[in-house]
Amino acid sequence: MREITAKKLEHKLMSNETVNMIDVREVEEVVEGKIPGVLHIPLGLLEFRMHELDKNKEYVIICRSGGRSSRAVQFLESQGFQVINMNGGMLAWEGKTE
């Protein structure tokens, strides 16, 4: 499983790199703050919404601490997607939120 640190992701965003991100937390968690520009798809809906994703793009998967995002990465990889798990999830995120 490919992984990225929260700090490295923050650096990419601050460098204006295009990064496709998916937050797999529940709605109640996301309202407390999310990374600007992230696509919110709760883990339980991922299977039903993966048609919205492009297999030619790479996605960074984010959750609260890294557990759900690692499950999402395993699932999406099995479906042919290019995905990276953000280590530590939002607990490790120190950048801007909205």
Protein backbone atom coordinates (compact mmCIF):
# COMPACT_ATOMS: atom_id res chain seq x y z
CA MET A 1 0.00 0.00 0.00
CA ARG A 2 1.35 3.37 -0.98
CA GLU A 3 1.29 6.01 1.76
CA ILE A 4 1.89 9.74 2.19
CA THR A 5 2.35 11.77 5.36
CA ALA A 6 0.00 14.60 6.21
CA LYS A 7 2.97 16.99 6.10
CA LYS A 8 3.97 15.90 2.59
CA LEU A 9 0.38 16.25 1.37
CA GLU A 10 0.20 19.72 2.90
CA HIS A 11 3.45 20.66 1.11
CA LYS A 12 2.05 19.44 -2.24
CA LEU A 13 -1.09 21.53 -1.75
CA MET A 14 0.91 24.61 -0.73
CA SER A 15 3.03 24.13 -3.88
CA ASN A 16 -0.20 24.26 -5.92
CA GLU A 17 0.20 20.68 -7.12
CA THR A 18 -3.03 19.12 -8.33
CA VAL A 19 -3.95 16.48 -5.78
CA ASN A 20 -7.16 14.45 -5.94
CA MET A 21 -8.32 13.66 -2.42
CA ILE A 22 -11.18 11.60 -1.03
CA ASP A 23 -12.28 11.88 2.60
CA VAL A 24 -14.00 8.66 3.68
CA ARG A 25 -15.13 9.86 7.13
CA GLU A 26 -18.77 10.11 8.14
CA VAL A 27 -20.77 13.32 7.62
CA GLU A 28 -20.61 14.25 11.33
CA GLU A 29 -16.81 14.08 11.24
CA VAL A 30 -16.42 16.11 8.05
CA VAL A 31 -18.53 19.02 9.34
CA GLU A 32 -15.87 19.50 12.04
CA GLY A 33 -13.35 20.32 9.32
CA LYS A 34 -11.96 18.94 6.08
CA ILE A 35 -9.04 19.67 3.82
CA PRO A 36 -10.05 22.29 1.23
CA GLY A 37 -10.81 20.71 -2.14
CA VAL A 38 -11.40 17.19 -0.82
CA LEU A 39 -14.18 15.03 -2.24
CA HIS A 40 -16.29 13.54 0.56
CA ILE A 41 -17.45 9.95 0.05
CA PRO A 42 -18.20 8.09 3.31
CA LEU A 43 -16.53 4.67 3.39
CA GLY A 44 -19.89 2.87 3.42
CA LEU A 45 -20.88 4.56 0.14
CA LEU A 46 -17.57 4.13 -1.68
CA GLU A 47 -18.62 0.98 -3.52
CA PHE A 48 -21.75 2.74 -4.82
CA ARG A 49 -20.01 6.00 -5.79
CA MET A 50 -16.76 4.73 -7.31
CA HIS A 51 -18.28 5.34 -10.77
CA GLU A 52 -17.66 9.06 -10.01
CA LEU A 53 -13.89 8.40 -9.92
CA ASP A 54 -11.43 8.30 -12.82
CA LYS A 55 -9.07 5.30 -13.00
CA ASN A 56 -6.57 7.51 -14.86
CA LYS A 57 -6.19 9.78 -11.81
CA GLU A 58 -4.38 9.16 -8.55
CA TYR A 59 -6.29 9.72 -5.30
CA VAL A 60 -5.12 10.36 -1.74
CA ILE A 61 -7.54 8.71 0.70
CA ILE A 62 -8.13 10.39 4.06
CA CYS A 63 -10.01 9.45 7.24
CA ARG A 64 -9.73 10.30 10.95
CA SER A 65 -6.68 8.23 11.87
CA GLY A 66 -5.73 6.07 8.88
CA GLY A 67 -7.68 2.87 9.50
CA ARG A 68 -10.73 3.45 7.32
CA SER A 69 -8.64 5.05 4.60
CA SER A 70 -6.40 1.97 4.47
CA ARG A 71 -9.51 -0.21 3.99
CA ALA A 72 -10.70 2.18 1.25
CA VAL A 73 -7.27 2.00 -0.42
CA GLN A 74 -7.34 -1.82 -0.42
CA PHE A 75 -10.85 -1.83 -1.90
CA LEU A 76 -10.13 0.79 -4.58
CA GLU A 77 -6.83 -0.89 -5.54
CA SER A 78 -8.75 -4.14 -6.05
CA GLN A 79 -11.01 -2.23 -8.44
CA GLY A 80 -8.06 -0.90 -10.47
CA PHE A 81 -7.72 2.60 -8.98
CA GLN A 82 -4.44 4.37 -8.19
CA VAL A 83 -4.67 5.32 -4.53
CA ILE A 84 -2.46 6.47 -1.65
CA ASN A 85 -3.28 6.30 2.07
CA MET A 86 -2.63 9.45 4.16
CA ASN A 87 -0.86 8.20 7.31
CA GLY A 88 -2.39 9.35 10.58
CA GLY A 89 -5.50 10.80 8.94
CA MET A 90 -6.96 14.10 10.05
CA LEU A 91 -5.44 13.62 13.52
CA ALA A 92 -2.04 14.22 11.86
CA TRP A 93 -3.23 17.10 9.65
CA GLU A 94 -1.90 20.51 10.67
CA GLY A 95 -2.83 22.43 7.52
CA LYS A 96 -5.88 24.51 6.66
CA THR A 97 -9.38 23.11 7.01
CA GLU A 98 -12.78 24.32 5.93
